[in-house]
Structure formats: C-alpha cells, structure tokens
Protein backbone atom coordinates (compact mmCIF):
# COMPACT_ATOMS: atom_id res chain seq x y z
CA MET A 1 -20.05 0.34 -15.28
CA ASP A 2 -21.18 0.28 -11.65
CA LYS A 3 -21.15 3.53 -9.79
CA ILE A 4 -17.70 4.14 -8.25
CA LYS A 5 -18.44 4.83 -4.51
CA GLU A 6 -14.96 5.68 -3.06
CA ILE A 7 -11.45 6.52 -4.05
CA ARG A 8 -8.59 5.15 -1.90
CA PRO A 9 -4.92 5.47 -1.84
CA GLY A 10 -2.93 2.15 -2.51
CA VAL A 11 0.69 1.21 -2.49
CA ALA A 12 2.60 -1.45 -4.32
CA ILE A 13 6.17 -2.72 -3.69
CA ILE A 14 8.53 -4.22 -6.17
CA ILE A 15 11.29 -6.12 -4.53
CA PHE A 16 14.25 -7.83 -6.54
CA ASN A 17 16.49 -10.42 -5.24
CA GLU A 18 20.31 -10.72 -5.99
CA GLU A 19 19.40 -12.61 -9.24
CA ASN A 20 17.22 -9.77 -10.26
CA GLN A 21 14.11 -11.94 -9.89
CA VAL A 22 10.92 -10.06 -8.56
CA LEU A 23 9.02 -11.18 -5.52
CA LEU A 24 5.51 -12.04 -6.18
CA GLN A 25 2.74 -12.84 -3.59
CA LYS A 26 -0.23 -15.20 -4.29
CA ARG A 27 -3.04 -13.10 -2.93
CA ALA A 28 -5.83 -14.88 -0.92
CA ASP A 29 -8.50 -12.37 -1.78
CA VAL A 30 -8.42 -12.94 -5.58
CA LYS A 31 -6.25 -16.04 -5.74
CA LEU A 32 -3.75 -14.31 -8.19
CA TRP A 33 -0.23 -13.52 -8.18
CA GLY A 34 0.87 -9.91 -7.86
CA ILE A 35 3.34 -7.48 -6.47
CA PRO A 36 2.83 -6.92 -2.60
CA SER A 37 0.36 -4.13 -2.26
CA GLY A 38 -2.23 -2.71 0.09
CA HIS A 39 -4.04 0.37 1.29
CA VAL A 40 -3.02 3.37 2.90
CA GLU A 41 -4.35 3.69 6.39
CA PRO A 42 -5.64 7.08 8.02
CA GLY A 43 -2.68 9.09 9.25
CA GLU A 44 -0.03 7.15 7.53
CA THR A 45 2.28 8.26 4.58
CA VAL A 46 2.44 6.29 1.42
CA LYS A 47 6.14 5.25 2.38
CA ASP A 48 5.10 4.05 5.75
CA ALA A 49 2.21 2.12 4.39
CA ALA A 50 4.58 0.49 1.74
CA VAL A 51 6.84 -0.75 4.49
CA ARG A 52 4.00 -1.96 6.64
CA GLU A 53 2.26 -3.82 3.95
CA VAL A 54 5.58 -5.63 2.94
CA LEU A 55 5.99 -6.61 6.68
CA GLU A 56 2.36 -7.73 7.11
CA GLU A 57 2.28 -9.69 3.80
CA THR A 58 5.78 -11.34 3.60
CA GLY A 59 7.53 -10.83 7.00
CA LEU A 60 10.38 -8.81 5.34
CA GLN A 61 11.59 -5.48 6.51
CA VAL A 62 12.35 -3.17 3.54
CA ARG A 63 13.78 0.27 2.76
CA ILE A 64 12.24 2.40 -0.06
CA LEU A 65 14.60 2.98 -2.81
CA ARG A 66 12.54 4.86 -5.27
CA LEU A 67 9.05 5.90 -6.57
CA ILE A 68 8.33 3.93 -9.68
CA GLY A 69 4.99 5.63 -10.59
CA VAL A 70 1.61 6.66 -9.66
CA TYR A 71 -1.22 4.62 -11.29
CA SER A 72 -4.90 5.89 -11.40
CA GLU A 73 -6.34 4.51 -14.71
CA PRO A 74 -9.78 3.39 -14.34
CA ASP A 75 -9.23 0.22 -16.64
CA SER A 76 -7.04 -1.36 -14.19
CA GLN A 77 -7.45 0.60 -10.92
CA VAL A 78 -11.43 0.10 -10.30
CA PHE A 79 -12.20 -2.91 -8.09
CA HIS A 80 -15.47 -4.51 -7.86
CA TYR A 81 -15.99 -6.24 -4.53
CA PRO A 82 -18.33 -9.14 -3.81
CA ASP A 83 -20.34 -6.97 -1.30
CA GLY A 84 -21.02 -4.45 -4.12
CA ARG A 85 -18.74 -1.92 -3.46
CA VAL A 86 -16.82 -0.26 -6.41
CA THR A 87 -13.56 1.41 -5.49
CA HIS A 88 -11.04 3.48 -7.54
CA PHE A 89 -7.50 3.13 -6.34
CA VAL A 90 -4.67 5.49 -6.74
CA THR A 91 -1.59 3.49 -6.12
CA CYS A 92 1.91 4.61 -5.54
CA CYS A 93 4.37 1.86 -6.64
CA PHE A 94 7.88 1.74 -5.14
CA GLN A 95 10.90 -0.23 -5.49
CA ALA A 96 12.39 -1.48 -2.22
CA GLU A 97 15.13 -3.50 -0.86
CA VAL A 98 15.13 -6.12 1.88
CA ILE A 99 17.07 -4.73 5.08
CA GLY A 100 15.61 -7.66 7.50
CA GLY A 101 13.15 -10.11 8.46
CA ASN A 102 12.51 -13.72 6.85
CA LEU A 103 10.21 -14.19 3.91
CA THR A 104 7.14 -15.91 5.34
CA VAL A 105 3.82 -16.60 4.14
CA CYS A 106 1.55 -14.56 6.30
CA PRO A 107 -2.21 -15.67 6.49
CA PRO A 108 -4.86 -14.53 5.88
CA GLU A 109 -3.59 -12.18 2.98
CA THR A 110 -1.04 -14.37 1.51
CA LEU A 111 -1.24 -17.80 0.04
CA ASP A 112 2.12 -18.31 -1.41
CA LEU A 113 5.31 -16.10 -1.88
CA ARG A 114 8.04 -16.59 -4.71
CA TYR A 115 10.90 -14.92 -6.55
CA PHE A 116 10.22 -15.13 -10.36
CA SER A 117 12.45 -14.34 -13.35
CA CYS A 118 10.97 -11.16 -14.86
CA ASP A 119 10.81 -13.13 -18.22
CA HIS A 120 8.82 -15.96 -16.87
CA LEU A 121 6.05 -14.62 -14.80
CA PRO A 122 3.01 -16.66 -13.93
CA SER A 123 0.25 -16.30 -16.17
CA ASP A 124 -2.32 -15.87 -13.43
CA MET A 125 -1.28 -12.40 -12.46
CA LEU A 126 -3.21 -9.29 -11.52
CA LYS A 127 -3.71 -7.37 -14.86
CA MET A 128 -1.95 -4.18 -13.96
CA HIS A 129 1.22 -5.62 -12.28
CA PRO A 130 2.98 -6.57 -15.44
CA LEU A 131 2.97 -2.88 -16.53
CA TRP A 132 4.29 -1.75 -13.24
CA LEU A 133 7.07 -4.27 -13.30
CA GLU A 134 7.95 -3.19 -16.69
CA ASP A 135 8.24 0.39 -15.73
CA ALA A 136 10.46 -0.61 -12.83
CA LEU A 137 12.82 -2.41 -15.13
CA THR A 138 13.20 0.62 -17.34
CA LYS A 139 15.30 2.13 -14.65
CA ALA A 140 13.84 5.58 -15.64
CA THR A 141 15.02 8.58 -13.56
CA GLU A 142 11.69 9.93 -13.58
CA SER A 143 8.41 8.47 -12.11
CA PHE A 144 5.68 7.27 -14.49
CA VAL A 145 2.24 8.79 -13.99
CA ARG A 146 -0.33 6.60 -15.75
C-alpha cells in the first residue's frame, strides 16, 4: 500500500424523495454513481459543508435531519489520486431533506443526477456508498461508527 500522506474530513448526504428513492450523482472525477459528497473546507462545520456540497453538486438547498454515521475504515476511505497523492478520509454521512432549489446537473463535478429505488441501484457505484445507504435505511436511533 502506498504511504498515506494526509487525512481529510469529508461529508456525504443521503436525500430521499417522496417515493423513498435515493438521489445519486454520477461523479465526473471517477465516472461512478454515488451519494453526493465532498470535502470540508477550512473554517467550515461538517453540517455547513454538507449543505454547501449538495448545493454545489445538485442545485438543491437542504436541511440536515440526522447524522447517519462516521466512516473511517481504510478499505473504503483511502483514495489514490492520479497525481500520486494518497488520502485517508473520515466522512460524516448525513440524511437531509430538500427545502428549495432545483435539481440541476452542476458541472464540472456532476455528470448526471437521478433518484433510484433503493432495491435497484446502479451497478457502477462507489464501493462504500451502498453500506452508507443501508445504514440510513435502518432508521437506527444511534449513529454508526465504522
């Protein structure tokens, strides 16, 4: 394994529509489907980062409903970038509801946006996102730490 050079905070945001379908984003960087997600900027709270990332990537304004979990397992949270950087993310995954805006594909980060039935997800998803979605669907009262 390449040497991990940095650890960064990340956020992921699960949004369900009225039919209990989940919003997924086809990411431009890896060409895979996933839950809208991104990095926490310096001086920003994780909740503020989550709200900002959703707006930047989908055009939607959201309100955070709950913390689903905090994910740091190296098997799914260490990323190898084309420039050689190796980064370990610690990601806070939230559930949010839409309170405004319009669903809009927002380049350059997003190639497509769609709501999917939770039992018919695309096969080309980021590997950790189905677990996060499974955790969200449990409706557990406590957050997961994985």
